[in-house]
Amino acid sequence: MNVQIVKESKKICPLLREPLEECYCNSMSSQDIEKTIFFCSGSYNTCEIYICKMPVQVIMK
């Protein structure tokens, strides 16, 4: 994963303030750290958890 992309991103997942039980940031296992950084810090609109739980916002973008 390109860390520079994460640093340049200014968008943070709106679910991060009140994460869902299945969100990557809740488990933070070694398998989920990369996903947490990538999806929660800028690419949340491509996250399957976000897409499934927030379909109306994704469609409207």
C-alpha atoms as a PDB file:
ATOM      1  CA  MET A   1       0.000   0.000   0.000  1.00  0.00           C
ATOM      2  CA  ASN A   2       1.193   3.493  -0.814  1.00  0.00           C
ATOM      3  CA  VAL A   3       1.448   5.437   2.460  1.00  0.00           C
ATOM      4  CA  GLN A   4       1.707   8.722   0.529  1.00  0.00           C
ATOM      5  CA  ILE A   5      -1.844   8.235  -0.768  1.00  0.00           C
ATOM      6  CA  VAL A   6      -3.105   7.944   2.813  1.00  0.00           C
ATOM      7  CA  LYS A   7      -1.156  11.035   3.919  1.00  0.00           C
ATOM      8  CA  GLU A   8      -2.528  13.116   1.043  1.00  0.00           C
ATOM      9  CA  SER A   9      -6.099  12.030   1.668  1.00  0.00           C
ATOM     10  CA  LYS A  10      -8.216  14.473   3.620  1.00  0.00           C
ATOM     11  CA  LYS A  11     -11.329  12.330   3.759  1.00  0.00           C
ATOM     12  CA  ILE A  12     -11.933  10.075   6.721  1.00  0.00           C
ATOM     13  CA  CYS A  13     -14.680   7.482   6.886  1.00  0.00           C
ATOM     14  CA  PRO A  14     -17.801   8.946   8.505  1.00  0.00           C
ATOM     15  CA  LEU A  15     -18.259   5.660  10.366  1.00  0.00           C
ATOM     16  CA  LEU A  16     -14.976   6.197  12.206  1.00  0.00           C
ATOM     17  CA  ARG A  17     -16.627   8.356  14.877  1.00  0.00           C
ATOM     18  CA  GLU A  18     -19.091   5.586  15.704  1.00  0.00           C
ATOM     19  CA  PRO A  19     -17.733   2.446  14.036  1.00  0.00           C
ATOM     20  CA  LEU A  20     -19.959  -0.487  13.338  1.00  0.00           C
ATOM     21  CA  GLU A  21     -19.152  -3.786  14.987  1.00  0.00           C
ATOM     22  CA  GLU A  22     -17.816  -5.175  11.701  1.00  0.00           C
ATOM     23  CA  CYS A  23     -15.605  -2.174  10.877  1.00  0.00           C
ATOM     24  CA  TYR A  24     -11.911  -2.932  10.446  1.00  0.00           C
ATOM     25  CA  CYS A  25     -10.938  -0.337  13.047  1.00  0.00           C
ATOM     26  CA  ASN A  26     -12.803  -2.268  15.741  1.00  0.00           C
ATOM     27  CA  SER A  27     -10.804  -5.455  15.432  1.00  0.00           C
ATOM     28  CA  MET A  28      -7.368  -4.018  14.611  1.00  0.00           C
ATOM     29  CA  SER A  29      -5.863  -7.466  14.292  1.00  0.00           C
ATOM     30  CA  SER A  30      -2.623  -7.724  12.371  1.00  0.00           C
ATOM     31  CA  GLN A  31      -4.700  -8.755   9.354  1.00  0.00           C
ATOM     32  CA  ASP A  32      -6.876  -5.644   9.559  1.00  0.00           C
ATOM     33  CA  ILE A  33      -4.319  -2.889  10.160  1.00  0.00           C
ATOM     34  CA  GLU A  34      -3.616  -2.307   6.462  1.00  0.00           C
ATOM     35  CA  LYS A  35      -7.346  -2.332   5.660  1.00  0.00           C
ATOM     36  CA  THR A  36      -8.018   0.107   8.501  1.00  0.00           C
ATOM     37  CA  ILE A  37      -5.393   2.543   7.253  1.00  0.00           C
ATOM     38  CA  PHE A  38      -6.485   2.258   3.636  1.00  0.00           C
ATOM     39  CA  PHE A  39     -10.277   2.251   3.984  1.00  0.00           C
ATOM     40  CA  CYS A  40     -10.819   4.363   7.106  1.00  0.00           C
ATOM     41  CA  SER A  41      -8.327   7.019   6.052  1.00  0.00           C
ATOM     42  CA  GLY A  42      -9.550   7.992   2.653  1.00  0.00           C
ATOM     43  CA  SER A  43     -10.808   5.142   0.528  1.00  0.00           C
ATOM     44  CA  TYR A  44     -13.944   4.444   2.517  1.00  0.00           C
ATOM     45  CA  ASN A  45     -16.134   4.842  -0.565  1.00  0.00           C
ATOM     46  CA  THR A  46     -14.603   1.597  -1.882  1.00  0.00           C
ATOM     47  CA  CYS A  47     -14.937  -0.288   1.426  1.00  0.00           C
ATOM     48  CA  GLU A  48     -17.449  -3.129   1.209  1.00  0.00           C
ATOM     49  CA  ILE A  49     -18.562  -2.522   4.815  1.00  0.00           C
ATOM     50  CA  TYR A  50     -19.278   1.144   4.052  1.00  0.00           C
ATOM     51  CA  ILE A  51     -21.007   0.316   0.767  1.00  0.00           C
ATOM     52  CA  CYS A  52     -23.262  -2.289   2.420  1.00  0.00           C
ATOM     53  CA  LYS A  53     -24.162  -0.137   5.417  1.00  0.00           C
ATOM     54  CA  MET A  54     -24.361   3.256   3.702  1.00  0.00           C
ATOM     55  CA  PRO A  55     -25.719   2.435   0.212  1.00  0.00           C
ATOM     56  CA  VAL A  56     -27.768   5.614  -0.223  1.00  0.00           C
ATOM     57  CA  GLN A  57     -24.772   7.906   0.342  1.00  0.00           C
ATOM     58  CA  VAL A  58     -22.577   5.877  -1.999  1.00  0.00           C
ATOM     59  CA  ILE A  59     -25.158   5.957  -4.801  1.00  0.00           C
ATOM     60  CA  MET A  60     -25.724   9.701  -4.416  1.00  0.00           C
ATOM     61  CA  LYS A  61     -22.018  10.591  -4.763  1.00  0.00           C
END
